[in-house]
Structures are given as C-alpha cells and as structure tokens.
C-alpha cells in the first residue's frame, strides 16, 4: 500500500450535536499551511487534485490525497453478442424441479 499523502492546513469537522440533519460537517482552512502544502502537490491533466475525507480507527476525521489511477485495460465482453454465438446443451434439461 502506498504511503498516504495527508492534507495539511485543511480540516474537516463533523457537525455539532445541535446542527440540523442536512449539515454534514464543515471545513476549516489554515491559509499558510494549506498554501504551502498545495504548492507541493501534483494535479491531474484536467487540473484536479482529489481528496478523500476518511475516518480513522480512533474515530477522527482526516483527509488524504486520492492518488488512484485506473489501469487502462481493454474491455472484453465475454458474453455472446448474438444468439448464434451462444452455446446450448445438446440434451433437454428437466426443469420440473426448479422452484420458481
């Protein structure tokens, strides 16, 4: 597993106990810490940096860079495209014992 790139200067706070149900939480920014950290990051070809909000085993929220890069694999369709490509059994199948 790759080492996590923790976000510095950007903090997620869960909602306080009197917050309405539609409040998920809040984010606080410590400007200089976040600016320094942000200037050291690599952005994708569209100019984005993806950040996940996570929950530690101790129950604390934290943020880390999501550096997942999908592998470019050719999609292969294993299902037959046409009925003529499907393989059917030679003998008849007894369906009388099927419960549906």
C-alpha atoms as a PDB file:
ATOM      1  CA  UNK A   1       0.000   0.000   0.000  1.00  0.00           C
ATOM      2  CA  UNK A   2       1.315   3.437  -0.923  1.00  0.00           C
ATOM      3  CA  UNK A   3       2.059   5.907   1.824  1.00  0.00           C
ATOM      4  CA  UNK A   4      -0.839   8.311   2.423  1.00  0.00           C
ATOM      5  CA  UNK A   5      -0.388  11.943   1.444  1.00  0.00           C
ATOM      6  CA  UNK A   6      -2.191  13.693   4.313  1.00  0.00           C
ATOM      7  CA  UNK A   7      -3.665  17.110   3.617  1.00  0.00           C
ATOM      8  CA  UNK A   8      -2.143  19.888   5.725  1.00  0.00           C
ATOM      9  CA  UNK A   9      -3.976  23.080   6.570  1.00  0.00           C
ATOM     10  CA  UNK A  10      -7.425  21.799   5.555  1.00  0.00           C
ATOM     11  CA  UNK A  11      -9.592  20.257   8.281  1.00  0.00           C
ATOM     12  CA  UNK A  12     -12.952  18.522   8.238  1.00  0.00           C
ATOM     13  CA  UNK A  13     -15.142  18.993  11.313  1.00  0.00           C
ATOM     14  CA  UNK A  14     -18.204  16.801  11.889  1.00  0.00           C
ATOM     15  CA  UNK A  15     -21.427  18.672  12.667  1.00  0.00           C
ATOM     16  CA  UNK A  16     -22.057  19.741  16.249  1.00  0.00           C
ATOM     17  CA  UNK A  17     -24.834  17.973  18.156  1.00  0.00           C
ATOM     18  CA  UNK A  18     -27.392  20.774  17.582  1.00  0.00           C
ATOM     19  CA  UNK A  19     -26.801  21.030  13.828  1.00  0.00           C
ATOM     20  CA  UNK A  20     -29.758  20.260  11.544  1.00  0.00           C
ATOM     21  CA  UNK A  21     -29.769  16.910   9.726  1.00  0.00           C
ATOM     22  CA  UNK A  22     -28.742  18.458   6.414  1.00  0.00           C
ATOM     23  CA  UNK A  23     -25.384  19.655   7.832  1.00  0.00           C
ATOM     24  CA  UNK A  24     -22.733  17.038   7.044  1.00  0.00           C
ATOM     25  CA  UNK A  25     -19.845  18.964   8.555  1.00  0.00           C
ATOM     26  CA  UNK A  26     -17.618  21.955   7.967  1.00  0.00           C
ATOM     27  CA  UNK A  27     -14.155  22.603   6.595  1.00  0.00           C
ATOM     28  CA  UNK A  28     -11.573  24.884   8.184  1.00  0.00           C
ATOM     29  CA  UNK A  29      -8.562  26.219   6.277  1.00  0.00           C
ATOM     30  CA  UNK A  30      -5.305  27.341   7.843  1.00  0.00           C
ATOM     31  CA  UNK A  31      -4.216  29.511   4.923  1.00  0.00           C
ATOM     32  CA  UNK A  32      -0.404  29.368   5.058  1.00  0.00           C
ATOM     33  CA  UNK A  33      -0.171  25.661   5.929  1.00  0.00           C
ATOM     34  CA  UNK A  34      -2.643  24.767   3.206  1.00  0.00           C
ATOM     35  CA  UNK A  35      -0.991  27.052   0.629  1.00  0.00           C
ATOM     36  CA  UNK A  36       2.457  25.547   1.263  1.00  0.00           C
ATOM     37  CA  UNK A  37       1.108  22.008   1.096  1.00  0.00           C
ATOM     38  CA  UNK A  38      -0.985  22.719  -2.023  1.00  0.00           C
ATOM     39  CA  UNK A  39       2.003  24.175  -3.899  1.00  0.00           C
ATOM     40  CA  UNK A  40       3.832  20.846  -3.433  1.00  0.00           C
ATOM     41  CA  UNK A  41       1.053  18.718  -4.965  1.00  0.00           C
ATOM     42  CA  UNK A  42       0.743  17.272  -8.452  1.00  0.00           C
ATOM     43  CA  UNK A  43      -2.565  17.868 -10.211  1.00  0.00           C
ATOM     44  CA  UNK A  44      -4.081  15.631 -12.885  1.00  0.00           C
ATOM     45  CA  UNK A  45      -4.259  16.521 -16.582  1.00  0.00           C
ATOM     46  CA  UNK A  46      -7.589  18.331 -16.012  1.00  0.00           C
ATOM     47  CA  UNK A  47      -6.181  20.430 -13.152  1.00  0.00           C
ATOM     48  CA  UNK A  48      -7.796  18.474 -10.302  1.00  0.00           C
ATOM     49  CA  UNK A  49      -6.428  17.156  -7.026  1.00  0.00           C
ATOM     50  CA  UNK A  50      -8.776  14.588  -5.484  1.00  0.00           C
ATOM     51  CA  UNK A  51      -9.021  14.494  -1.691  1.00  0.00           C
ATOM     52  CA  UNK A  52     -10.837  11.840   0.337  1.00  0.00           C
ATOM     53  CA  UNK A  53     -12.408  12.560   3.726  1.00  0.00           C
ATOM     54  CA  UNK A  54     -11.707   9.485   5.855  1.00  0.00           C
ATOM     55  CA  UNK A  55     -12.428   8.219   9.343  1.00  0.00           C
ATOM     56  CA  UNK A  56      -9.585   6.800  11.434  1.00  0.00           C
ATOM     57  CA  UNK A  57      -9.903   3.711  13.617  1.00  0.00           C
ATOM     58  CA  UNK A  58      -9.916   6.104  16.585  1.00  0.00           C
ATOM     59  CA  UNK A  59     -12.987   7.879  15.148  1.00  0.00           C
ATOM     60  CA  UNK A  60     -11.245  11.074  13.966  1.00  0.00           C
ATOM     61  CA  UNK A  61     -11.816  12.573  10.522  1.00  0.00           C
ATOM     62  CA  UNK A  62      -8.833  13.279   8.310  1.00  0.00           C
ATOM     63  CA  UNK A  63      -8.127  13.997   4.651  1.00  0.00           C
ATOM     64  CA  UNK A  64      -5.710  12.373   2.267  1.00  0.00           C
ATOM     65  CA  UNK A  65      -4.995  12.695  -1.439  1.00  0.00           C
ATOM     66  CA  UNK A  66      -6.770  10.117  -3.583  1.00  0.00           C
ATOM     67  CA  UNK A  67      -3.996   9.045  -5.952  1.00  0.00           C
ATOM     68  CA  UNK A  68      -5.891   6.154  -7.570  1.00  0.00           C
ATOM     69  CA  UNK A  69      -5.131   5.823 -11.254  1.00  0.00           C
ATOM     70  CA  UNK A  70      -7.203   3.296 -13.203  1.00  0.00           C
ATOM     71  CA  UNK A  71      -5.316   0.793 -15.305  1.00  0.00           C
ATOM     72  CA  UNK A  72      -6.155   1.171 -18.973  1.00  0.00           C
ATOM     73  CA  UNK A  73      -7.349  -2.295 -19.855  1.00  0.00           C
ATOM     74  CA  UNK A  74      -9.217  -3.173 -22.989  1.00  0.00           C
ATOM     75  CA  UNK A  75     -12.788  -4.049 -22.087  1.00  0.00           C
ATOM     76  CA  UNK A  76     -13.584  -7.556 -23.159  1.00  0.00           C
ATOM     77  CA  UNK A  77     -17.147  -8.680 -23.479  1.00  0.00           C
ATOM     78  CA  UNK A  78     -17.254 -12.367 -22.586  1.00  0.00           C
ATOM     79  CA  UNK A  79     -20.990 -12.719 -23.145  1.00  0.00           C
ATOM     80  CA  UNK A  80     -22.072 -13.711 -26.639  1.00  0.00           C
ATOM     81  CA  UNK A  81     -23.261 -10.761 -28.679  1.00  0.00           C
ATOM     82  CA  UNK A  82     -25.635 -12.799 -30.796  1.00  0.00           C
ATOM     83  CA  UNK A  83     -27.751 -15.836 -30.006  1.00  0.00           C
ATOM     84  CA  UNK A  84     -25.900 -17.769 -32.699  1.00  0.00           C
ATOM     85  CA  UNK A  85     -22.674 -17.361 -30.680  1.00  0.00           C
ATOM     86  CA  UNK A  86     -24.214 -18.849 -27.522  1.00  0.00           C
ATOM     87  CA  UNK A  87     -23.511 -22.459 -26.633  1.00  0.00           C
ATOM     88  CA  UNK A  88     -26.572 -24.525 -25.727  1.00  0.00           C
ATOM     89  CA  UNK A  89     -26.567 -28.064 -24.315  1.00  0.00           C
ATOM     90  CA  UNK A  90     -27.367 -30.866 -26.732  1.00  0.00           C
ATOM     91  CA  UNK A  91     -29.799 -32.692 -24.429  1.00  0.00           C
ATOM     92  CA  UNK A  92     -33.047 -31.363 -22.975  1.00  0.00           C
ATOM     93  CA  UNK A  93     -32.855 -30.104 -19.394  1.00  0.00           C
ATOM     94  CA  UNK A  94     -35.511 -31.236 -16.909  1.00  0.00           C
ATOM     95  CA  UNK A  95     -36.924 -28.039 -15.417  1.00  0.00           C
ATOM     96  CA  UNK A  96     -39.679 -29.668 -13.351  1.00  0.00           C
ATOM     97  CA  UNK A  97     -37.623 -29.500 -10.124  1.00  0.00           C
ATOM     98  CA  UNK A  98     -36.868 -25.782 -10.328  1.00  0.00           C
ATOM     99  CA  UNK A  99     -38.727 -23.832  -7.623  1.00  0.00           C
ATOM    100  CA  UNK A 100     -39.796 -20.663  -9.372  1.00  0.00           C
END
